C-alpha atoms as a PDB file:
ATOM      1  CA  MET A   1     162.522 206.933 113.465  1.00  0.00           C
ATOM      2  CA  GLU A   2     165.038 204.106 113.673  1.00  0.00           C
ATOM      3  CA  VAL A   3     163.402 202.765 116.857  1.00  0.00           C
ATOM      4  CA  GLN A   4     160.015 202.757 115.154  1.00  0.00           C
ATOM      5  CA  ASP A   5     161.445 200.855 112.181  1.00  0.00           C
ATOM      6  CA  LYS A   6     162.935 198.257 114.538  1.00  0.00           C
ATOM      7  CA  ASP A   7     159.583 197.849 116.305  1.00  0.00           C
ATOM      8  CA  GLU A   8     157.815 197.335 112.996  1.00  0.00           C
ATOM      9  CA  LEU A   9     160.423 194.806 111.907  1.00  0.00           C
ATOM     10  CA  LYS A  10     160.063 192.939 115.196  1.00  0.00           C
ATOM     11  CA  GLN A  11     156.272 192.853 114.850  1.00  0.00           C
ATOM     12  CA  MET A  12     156.573 191.622 111.275  1.00  0.00           C
ATOM     13  CA  ARG A  13     159.087 188.959 112.324  1.00  0.00           C
ATOM     14  CA  ASP A  14     156.789 187.802 115.125  1.00  0.00           C
ATOM     15  CA  ARG A  15     153.891 187.508 112.676  1.00  0.00           C
ATOM     16  CA  LEU A  16     155.831 185.643 109.992  1.00  0.00           C
ATOM     17  CA  ALA A  17     158.213 183.509 112.031  1.00  0.00           C
ATOM     18  CA  VAL A  18     157.274 179.873 112.613  1.00  0.00           C
ATOM     19  CA  ASN A  19     156.806 179.276 116.310  1.00  0.00           C
ATOM     20  CA  PRO A  20     155.702 175.679 116.697  1.00  0.00           C
ATOM     21  CA  LYS A  21     153.995 174.736 119.947  1.00  0.00           C
ATOM     22  CA  MET A  22     154.261 171.375 121.609  1.00  0.00           C
ATOM     23  CA  VAL A  23     151.023 169.438 121.945  1.00  0.00           C
ATOM     24  CA  TRP A  24     151.986 168.701 125.542  1.00  0.00           C
ATOM     25  CA  ASP A  25     151.741 172.409 126.349  1.00  0.00           C
ATOM     26  CA  GLN A  26     148.187 172.530 124.979  1.00  0.00           C
ATOM     27  CA  VAL A  27     146.595 169.782 127.120  1.00  0.00           C
ATOM     28  CA  ASP A  28     145.164 170.172 130.602  1.00  0.00           C
ATOM     29  CA  GLN A  29     146.002 168.049 133.646  1.00  0.00           C
ATOM     30  CA  ALA A  30     143.135 165.605 133.096  1.00  0.00           C
ATOM     31  CA  GLU A  31     144.363 164.876 129.579  1.00  0.00           C
ATOM     32  CA  ARG A  32     147.936 164.474 130.845  1.00  0.00           C
ATOM     33  CA  ASP A  33     146.742 161.983 133.454  1.00  0.00           C
ATOM     34  CA  ALA A  34     144.908 160.049 130.741  1.00  0.00           C
ATOM     35  CA  ILE A  35     148.058 159.987 128.585  1.00  0.00           C
ATOM     36  CA  PHE A  36     150.162 158.648 131.468  1.00  0.00           C
ATOM     37  CA  ALA A  37     147.492 156.053 132.298  1.00  0.00           C
ATOM     38  CA  TYR A  38     147.465 154.861 128.689  1.00  0.00           C
ATOM     39  CA  GLY A  39     151.261 154.671 128.713  1.00  0.00           C
ATOM     40  CA  ASP A  40     151.262 152.652 131.939  1.00  0.00           C
ATOM     41  CA  HIS A  41     148.657 150.282 130.494  1.00  0.00           C
ATOM     42  CA  TYR A  42     150.719 149.816 127.345  1.00  0.00           C
ATOM     43  CA  LYS A  43     153.908 149.192 129.348  1.00  0.00           C
ATOM     44  CA  THR A  44     152.072 146.521 131.322  1.00  0.00           C
ATOM     45  CA  PHE A  45     150.946 144.908 128.082  1.00  0.00           C
ATOM     46  CA  LEU A  46     154.509 144.922 126.699  1.00  0.00           C
ATOM     47  CA  ASP A  47     155.790 143.412 129.940  1.00  0.00           C
ATOM     48  CA  ARG A  48     153.264 140.564 129.724  1.00  0.00           C
ATOM     49  CA  ALA A  49     153.574 140.052 125.949  1.00  0.00           C
ATOM     50  CA  LYS A  50     157.290 139.681 125.268  1.00  0.00           C
ATOM     51  CA  THR A  51     156.743 136.900 122.741  1.00  0.00           C
ATOM     52  CA  GLU A  52     154.111 136.234 120.097  1.00  0.00           C
ATOM     53  CA  ARG A  53     152.588 133.438 122.196  1.00  0.00           C
ATOM     54  CA  GLU A  54     152.456 135.609 125.309  1.00  0.00           C
ATOM     55  CA  ALA A  55     150.870 138.420 123.270  1.00  0.00           C
ATOM     56  CA  VAL A  56     148.096 136.082 122.094  1.00  0.00           C
ATOM     57  CA  VAL A  57     147.431 134.940 125.670  1.00  0.00           C
ATOM     58  CA  GLU A  58     147.322 138.514 126.982  1.00  0.00           C
ATOM     59  CA  ILE A  59     145.066 139.767 124.172  1.00  0.00           C
ATOM     60  CA  GLU A  60     142.671 136.870 124.810  1.00  0.00           C
ATOM     61  CA  ARG A  61     142.681 137.628 128.544  1.00  0.00           C
ATOM     62  CA  GLN A  62     141.858 141.291 127.970  1.00  0.00           C
ATOM     63  CA  ALA A  63     139.153 140.449 125.422  1.00  0.00           C
ATOM     64  CA  LYS A  64     137.419 138.074 127.846  1.00  0.00           C
ATOM     65  CA  ALA A  65     137.683 140.679 130.621  1.00  0.00           C
ATOM     66  CA  LEU A  66     135.840 143.119 128.347  1.00  0.00           C
ATOM     67  CA  GLY A  67     133.033 140.625 127.713  1.00  0.00           C
ATOM     68  CA  PHE A  68     134.090 139.066 124.418  1.00  0.00           C
ATOM     69  CA  VAL A  69     133.051 135.427 124.047  1.00  0.00           C
ATOM     70  CA  ASP A  70     135.088 132.603 122.558  1.00  0.00           C
ATOM     71  CA  LEU A  71     133.095 131.216 119.627  1.00  0.00           C
ATOM     72  CA  THR A  72     134.930 127.887 119.611  1.00  0.00           C
ATOM     73  CA  GLY A  73     132.349 125.135 119.821  1.00  0.00           C
ATOM     74  CA  LYS A  74     129.417 127.531 119.439  1.00  0.00           C
ATOM     75  CA  GLU A  75     126.616 126.656 117.037  1.00  0.00           C
ATOM     76  CA  ILE A  76     126.268 129.089 114.159  1.00  0.00           C
ATOM     77  CA  ILE A  77     122.792 129.175 112.623  1.00  0.00           C
ATOM     78  CA  GLU A  78     122.548 130.404 109.054  1.00  0.00           C
ATOM     79  CA  VAL A  79     119.194 131.887 108.042  1.00  0.00           C
ATOM     80  CA  TYR A  80     118.033 133.385 104.771  1.00  0.00           C
ATOM     81  CA  PHE A  81     116.315 136.780 104.497  1.00  0.00           C
ATOM     82  CA  PRO A  82     115.051 137.839 101.046  1.00  0.00           C
ATOM     83  CA  MET A  83     116.070 141.310  99.905  1.00  0.00           C
ATOM     84  CA  LYS A  84     112.588 142.763  99.459  1.00  0.00           C
ATOM     85  CA  LYS A  85     111.108 146.107 100.493  1.00  0.00           C
ATOM     86  CA  VAL A  86     109.275 146.409 103.791  1.00  0.00           C
ATOM     87  CA  ARG A  87     106.585 149.080 103.955  1.00  0.00           C
ATOM     88  CA  MET A  88     105.358 149.757 107.481  1.00  0.00           C
ATOM     89  CA  ALA A  89     101.816 150.642 106.363  1.00  0.00           C
ATOM     90  CA  MET A  90     101.441 147.328 104.521  1.00  0.00           C
ATOM     91  CA  ALA A  91     101.668 143.641 105.362  1.00  0.00           C
ATOM     92  CA  PRO A  92     105.121 142.239 104.595  1.00  0.00           C
ATOM     93  CA  ASP A  93     105.748 140.122 101.552  1.00  0.00           C
ATOM     94  CA  PRO A  94     104.807 136.480 102.374  1.00  0.00           C
ATOM     95  CA  GLU A  95     108.353 135.309 101.654  1.00  0.00           C
ATOM     96  CA  VAL A  96     109.774 137.939 104.010  1.00  0.00           C
ATOM     97  CA  GLU A  97     107.250 137.083 106.733  1.00  0.00           C
ATOM     98  CA  ALA A  98     108.091 133.397 106.383  1.00  0.00           C
ATOM     99  CA  ALA A  99     111.807 134.145 106.782  1.00  0.00           C
ATOM    100  CA  TRP A 100     111.177 136.121 109.991  1.00  0.00           C
ATOM    101  CA  GLN A 101     109.019 133.319 111.339  1.00  0.00           C
ATOM    102  CA  HIS A 102     111.621 130.674 110.509  1.00  0.00           C
ATOM    103  CA  ALA A 103     114.456 132.618 112.143  1.00  0.00           C
ATOM    104  CA  ALA A 104     112.382 133.362 115.242  1.00  0.00           C
ATOM    105  CA  ARG A 105     111.396 129.705 115.663  1.00  0.00           C
ATOM    106  CA  GLN A 106     115.039 128.675 115.379  1.00  0.00           C
ATOM    107  CA  VAL A 107     115.858 131.000 118.260  1.00  0.00           C
ATOM    108  CA  ILE A 108     112.848 129.983 120.366  1.00  0.00           C
ATOM    109  CA  ALA A 109     113.680 126.276 120.076  1.00  0.00           C
ATOM    110  CA  ARG A 110     117.185 126.796 121.406  1.00  0.00           C
ATOM    111  CA  ILE A 111     116.152 129.134 124.202  1.00  0.00           C
ATOM    112  CA  ARG A 112     113.542 126.635 125.387  1.00  0.00           C
ATOM    113  CA  ALA A 113     116.311 124.026 125.372  1.00  0.00           C
ATOM    114  CA  GLY A 114     118.149 126.163 127.937  1.00  0.00           C
ATOM    115  CA  ARG A 115     120.587 127.853 125.590  1.00  0.00           C
ATOM    116  CA  GLN A 116     121.366 131.507 124.924  1.00  0.00           C
ATOM    117  CA  VAL A 117     121.202 132.966 121.409  1.00  0.00           C
ATOM    118  CA  ALA A 118     122.779 136.096 119.928  1.00  0.00           C
ATOM    119  CA  PHE A 119     121.795 137.728 116.615  1.00  0.00           C
ATOM    120  CA  PRO A 120     124.764 139.842 115.454  1.00  0.00           C
ATOM    121  CA  THR A 121     124.108 142.640 112.995  1.00  0.00           C
ATOM    122  CA  LEU A 122     126.237 145.219 111.233  1.00  0.00           C
ATOM    123  CA  GLY A 123     125.616 148.750 112.474  1.00  0.00           C
ATOM    124  CA  ASP A 124     122.955 149.575 115.036  1.00  0.00           C
ATOM    125  CA  PRO A 125     120.074 147.066 115.405  1.00  0.00           C
ATOM    126  CA  ALA A 126     117.528 149.871 115.806  1.00  0.00           C
ATOM    127  CA  ILE A 127     118.158 151.356 112.334  1.00  0.00           C
ATOM    128  CA  TYR A 128     116.814 149.480 109.298  1.00  0.00           C
ATOM    129  CA  SER A 129     117.931 146.155 110.754  1.00  0.00           C
ATOM    130  CA  THR A 130     116.595 142.703 109.928  1.00  0.00           C
ATOM    131  CA  GLY A 131     117.389 141.772 113.505  1.00  0.00           C
ATOM    132  CA  ILE A 132     114.596 143.982 114.832  1.00  0.00           C
ATOM    133  CA  TYR A 133     111.968 142.290 112.642  1.00  0.00           C
ATOM    134  CA  THR A 134     113.184 138.911 113.887  1.00  0.00           C
ATOM    135  CA  CYS A 135     113.086 140.098 117.504  1.00  0.00           C
ATOM    136  CA  GLN A 136     109.559 141.459 117.133  1.00  0.00           C
ATOM    137  CA  THR A 137     108.401 138.215 115.520  1.00  0.00           C
ATOM    138  CA  LEU A 138     110.024 136.204 118.314  1.00  0.00           C
ATOM    139  CA  LEU A 139     108.200 138.202 120.993  1.00  0.00           C
ATOM    140  CA  GLU A 140     104.889 137.754 119.188  1.00  0.00           C
ATOM    141  CA  LEU A 141     105.406 133.986 119.179  1.00  0.00           C
ATOM    142  CA  ALA A 142     106.922 133.717 122.665  1.00  0.00           C
ATOM    143  CA  PRO A 143     106.301 136.886 124.701  1.00  0.00           C
ATOM    144  CA  GLU A 144     107.704 135.254 127.847  1.00  0.00           C
ATOM    145  CA  ILE A 145     111.227 135.216 126.417  1.00  0.00           C
ATOM    146  CA  ARG A 146     113.495 137.998 127.644  1.00  0.00           C
ATOM    147  CA  THR A 147     115.465 139.801 124.958  1.00  0.00           C
ATOM    148  CA  VAL A 148     118.244 142.392 125.228  1.00  0.00           C
ATOM    149  CA  ILE A 149     119.070 144.775 122.379  1.00  0.00           C
ATOM    150  CA  VAL A 150     122.694 145.918 122.446  1.00  0.00           C
ATOM    151  CA  PRO A 151     123.282 149.256 120.640  1.00  0.00           C
ATOM    152  CA  GLY A 152     125.984 149.427 118.016  1.00  0.00           C
ATOM    153  CA  VAL A 153     127.770 152.002 115.887  1.00  0.00           C
ATOM    154  CA  SER A 154     125.390 152.912 113.062  1.00  0.00           C
ATOM    155  CA  ALA A 155     126.489 153.298 109.464  1.00  0.00           C
ATOM    156  CA  ILE A 156     125.207 156.869 109.758  1.00  0.00           C
ATOM    157  CA  GLY A 157     127.635 157.771 112.526  1.00  0.00           C
ATOM    158  CA  ALA A 158     130.485 155.728 111.076  1.00  0.00           C
ATOM    159  CA  CYS A 159     130.157 157.362 107.642  1.00  0.00           C
ATOM    160  CA  ALA A 160     130.112 160.857 109.130  1.00  0.00           C
ATOM    161  CA  ALA A 161     133.165 160.086 111.249  1.00  0.00           C
ATOM    162  CA  THR A 162     135.225 158.628 108.416  1.00  0.00           C
ATOM    163  CA  ALA A 163     134.255 161.528 106.121  1.00  0.00           C
ATOM    164  CA  GLY A 164     135.145 164.018 108.863  1.00  0.00           C
ATOM    165  CA  ILE A 165     131.837 165.898 108.801  1.00  0.00           C
ATOM    166  CA  PRO A 166     129.228 166.636 111.486  1.00  0.00           C
ATOM    167  CA  LEU A 167     125.695 165.312 111.238  1.00  0.00           C
ATOM    168  CA  CYS A 168     123.984 167.995 113.310  1.00  0.00           C
ATOM    169  CA  GLN A 169     125.082 171.265 114.852  1.00  0.00           C
ATOM    170  CA  GLY A 170     123.188 173.974 116.713  1.00  0.00           C
ATOM    171  CA  ASP A 171     119.620 174.096 115.442  1.00  0.00           C
ATOM    172  CA  ASP A 172     120.212 171.679 112.536  1.00  0.00           C
ATOM    173  CA  MET A 173     117.667 168.997 111.754  1.00  0.00           C
ATOM    174  CA  MET A 174     118.602 165.649 110.235  1.00  0.00           C
ATOM    175  CA  ALA A 175     116.577 163.153 108.198  1.00  0.00           C
ATOM    176  CA  VAL A 176     117.464 159.529 107.520  1.00  0.00           C
ATOM    177  CA  VAL A 177     115.586 158.145 104.521  1.00  0.00           C
ATOM    178  CA  PRO A 178     115.790 155.250 102.079  1.00  0.00           C
ATOM    179  CA  ALA A 179     117.190 156.510  98.775  1.00  0.00           C
ATOM    180  CA  THR A 180     114.541 154.433  97.010  1.00  0.00           C
ATOM    181  CA  PHE A 181     111.911 157.099  97.798  1.00  0.00           C
ATOM    182  CA  ASP A 182     110.581 158.795  94.660  1.00  0.00           C
ATOM    183  CA  ASN A 183     112.051 162.141  93.622  1.00  0.00           C
ATOM    184  CA  GLN A 184     109.120 164.158  94.937  1.00  0.00           C
ATOM    185  CA  ARG A 185     109.471 162.752  98.459  1.00  0.00           C
ATOM    186  CA  LEU A 186     113.242 163.155  98.416  1.00  0.00           C
ATOM    187  CA  THR A 187     112.931 166.752  97.220  1.00  0.00           C
ATOM    188  CA  GLU A 188     110.532 167.552 100.063  1.00  0.00           C
ATOM    189  CA  VAL A 189     112.915 166.040 102.610  1.00  0.00           C
ATOM    190  CA  MET A 190     115.948 167.839 101.205  1.00  0.00           C
ATOM    191  CA  GLY A 191     114.108 171.124 101.352  1.00  0.00           C
ATOM    192  CA  SER A 192     113.187 170.695 105.024  1.00  0.00           C
ATOM    193  CA  PHE A 193     116.388 169.403 106.648  1.00  0.00           C
ATOM    194  CA  GLN A 194     119.972 170.617 106.892  1.00  0.00           C
ATOM    195  CA  THR A 195     121.443 167.098 106.857  1.00  0.00           C
ATOM    196  CA  ILE A 196     120.010 164.251 104.835  1.00  0.00           C
ATOM    197  CA  VAL A 197     121.332 160.704 105.107  1.00  0.00           C
ATOM    198  CA  LEU A 198     120.395 158.518 102.138  1.00  0.00           C
ATOM    199  CA  MET A 199     120.481 154.787 102.797  1.00  0.00           C
ATOM    200  CA  LYS A 200     120.454 151.948 100.233  1.00  0.00           C
ATOM    201  CA  VAL A 201     121.722 154.109  97.397  1.00  0.00           C
ATOM    202  CA  HIS A 202     123.394 151.456  95.243  1.00  0.00           C
ATOM    203  CA  ARG A 203     120.386 150.670  93.047  1.00  0.00           C
ATOM    204  CA  VAL A 204     119.318 154.271  92.402  1.00  0.00           C
ATOM    205  CA  MET A 205     122.664 156.040  92.187  1.00  0.00           C
ATOM    206  CA  ASP A 206     122.193 157.475  88.702  1.00  0.00           C
ATOM    207  CA  ARG A 207     118.818 158.976  89.612  1.00  0.00           C
ATOM    208  CA  LEU A 208     120.206 160.417  92.867  1.00  0.00           C
ATOM    209  CA  VAL A 209     123.084 162.145  91.080  1.00  0.00           C
ATOM    210  CA  ARG A 210     120.674 163.801  88.656  1.00  0.00           C
ATOM    211  CA  LEU A 211     118.357 164.901  91.473  1.00  0.00           C
ATOM    212  CA  LEU A 212     121.162 166.292  93.634  1.00  0.00           C
ATOM    213  CA  SER A 213     122.486 168.173  90.618  1.00  0.00           C
ATOM    214  CA  GLU A 214     119.061 169.694  89.927  1.00  0.00           C
ATOM    215  CA  LEU A 215     118.825 170.798  93.570  1.00  0.00           C
ATOM    216  CA  ASP A 216     122.382 172.248  93.557  1.00  0.00           C
ATOM    217  CA  LEU A 217     123.358 169.832  96.312  1.00  0.00           C
ATOM    218  CA  LEU A 218     125.844 167.654  94.458  1.00  0.00           C
ATOM    219  CA  GLU A 219     128.837 169.508  95.900  1.00  0.00           C
ATOM    220  CA  HIS A 220     127.364 169.117  99.397  1.00  0.00           C
ATOM    221  CA  ALA A 221     127.193 165.307  99.168  1.00  0.00           C
ATOM    222  CA  VAL A 222     129.678 162.590 100.082  1.00  0.00           C
ATOM    223  CA  LEU A 223     129.331 158.867  99.501  1.00  0.00           C
ATOM    224  CA  VAL A 224     130.872 156.274 101.809  1.00  0.00           C
ATOM    225  CA  GLU A 225     131.025 152.660 100.708  1.00  0.00           C
ATOM    226  CA  ARG A 226     131.639 149.758 103.120  1.00  0.00           C
ATOM    227  CA  THR A 227     132.322 152.071 106.041  1.00  0.00           C
ATOM    228  CA  ALA A 228     134.705 150.787 108.743  1.00  0.00           C
ATOM    229  CA  GLN A 229     135.786 147.883 106.514  1.00  0.00           C
ATOM    230  CA  ASP A 230     139.157 147.299 104.875  1.00  0.00           C
ATOM    231  CA  SER A 231     137.698 148.095 101.447  1.00  0.00           C
ATOM    232  CA  GLU A 232     136.086 151.377 102.590  1.00  0.00           C
ATOM    233  CA  ARG A 233     135.849 154.162  99.996  1.00  0.00           C
ATOM    234  CA  ILE A 234     135.051 157.857 100.514  1.00  0.00           C
ATOM    235  CA  ILE A 235     133.851 159.533  97.316  1.00  0.00           C
ATOM    236  CA  TYR A 236     133.260 163.272  97.002  1.00  0.00           C
ATOM    237  CA  ASP A 237     132.703 163.346  93.240  1.00  0.00           C
ATOM    238  CA  LEU A 238     129.468 161.406  92.919  1.00  0.00           C
ATOM    239  CA  THR A 239     129.471 161.793  89.143  1.00  0.00           C
ATOM    240  CA  SER A 240     132.488 159.469  89.008  1.00  0.00           C
ATOM    241  CA  VAL A 241     130.579 156.596  90.612  1.00  0.00           C
ATOM    242  CA  LYS A 242     129.351 153.686  88.512  1.00  0.00           C
ATOM    243  CA  ALA A 243     126.115 152.425  90.004  1.00  0.00           C
ATOM    244  CA  ASP A 244     126.676 148.826  88.973  1.00  0.00           C
ATOM    245  CA  GLU A 245     129.992 148.775  90.871  1.00  0.00           C
ATOM    246  CA  LEU A 246     128.587 150.062  94.175  1.00  0.00           C
ATOM    247  CA  HIS A 247     128.256 147.710  97.119  1.00  0.00           C
ATOM    248  CA  TYR A 248     125.003 147.336  99.047  1.00  0.00           C
ATOM    249  CA  PHE A 249     126.672 148.990 102.057  1.00  0.00           C
ATOM    250  CA  SER A 250     126.776 152.467 100.517  1.00  0.00           C
ATOM    251  CA  THR A 251     125.483 155.652 102.146  1.00  0.00           C
ATOM    252  CA  ILE A 252     125.280 159.276 101.018  1.00  0.00           C
ATOM    253  CA  ILE A 253     125.375 162.191 103.443  1.00  0.00           C
ATOM    254  CA  VAL A 254     124.129 165.539 102.174  1.00  0.00           C
ATOM    255  CA  ARG A 255     125.259 168.374 104.437  1.00  0.00           C
ATOM    256  CA  LYS A 256     123.738 171.677 103.298  1.00  0.00           C
ATOM    257  CA  ARG A 257     125.790 173.942 105.582  1.00  0.00           C
END
C-alpha cells in the first residue's frame, strides 16, 4: 500500500512540477546551423563596425550588396492622384484619367531620355494600387517600353501577421473587398467566405460596426491601422473606434473560425 502511495505521489509530482526545456534542445540540426550562421554573420559585422562611422560604412555596403540604391542626386517626381472611386465596369473619372495620363507621360519622357524610373508604392502593387493604373496607362501610350513589377508585402498579409492570425487554413476561402460596398453586397460576401478582408474602412467605420454586430461577427473582427509603421495600432474592440480619427491606412480582418 505504501509503495502504491509513493508511486501516486511521484506521478503527481511529475505532472505538477515545472520542468522547463531549453529551446536549444527543441531545434533540429538545420536550425542549429542557421543559428550559428547568423551568429557568425553578426560577429563579422561587429568586427567591421567597431565605431559609429565604421557601422555606417558597413551598413551602406551591405545595403548596396542587397540591391538598395543611393537616392542622393536622384530626381524625385511628385504627381497628384485624386482620391476618387474607380469602378472597373465604368470609365474612370476624367480627373483621375488625366492624373494617370500625366504621370505616365512624365515617366515616358524620362525613359526616352535614357533614364530609368521607379514608382514606389506602399504594400503590393498588384492590390488596389495607383501604380498599376499608371503602369497600364504607360503601356497604352508607349507599348515598346519594358516595365518590371516588383512584388511587395501587402497590407493584407502585414495586418494578419501583426495581429497574429491566419488568413486561410485548410479549405478556407478568403475575400478581399472594399468596405465601401453597400450592406447587401458585404452581407453576401461575409456569408460565403471564412475570412473577409475589408479595405478602405475609415470612411464607413460606423456602418461597418453596426453591420458586423447584426451578423454576430463583431467579436471575430480586428482592425489594424497604419500597419508596419511606428504609429501602428491593433484594435480588437471596434466599438471603441472613432471613425473621424481613423487613418486612411486602416484594414479590418474578419476571421469566422
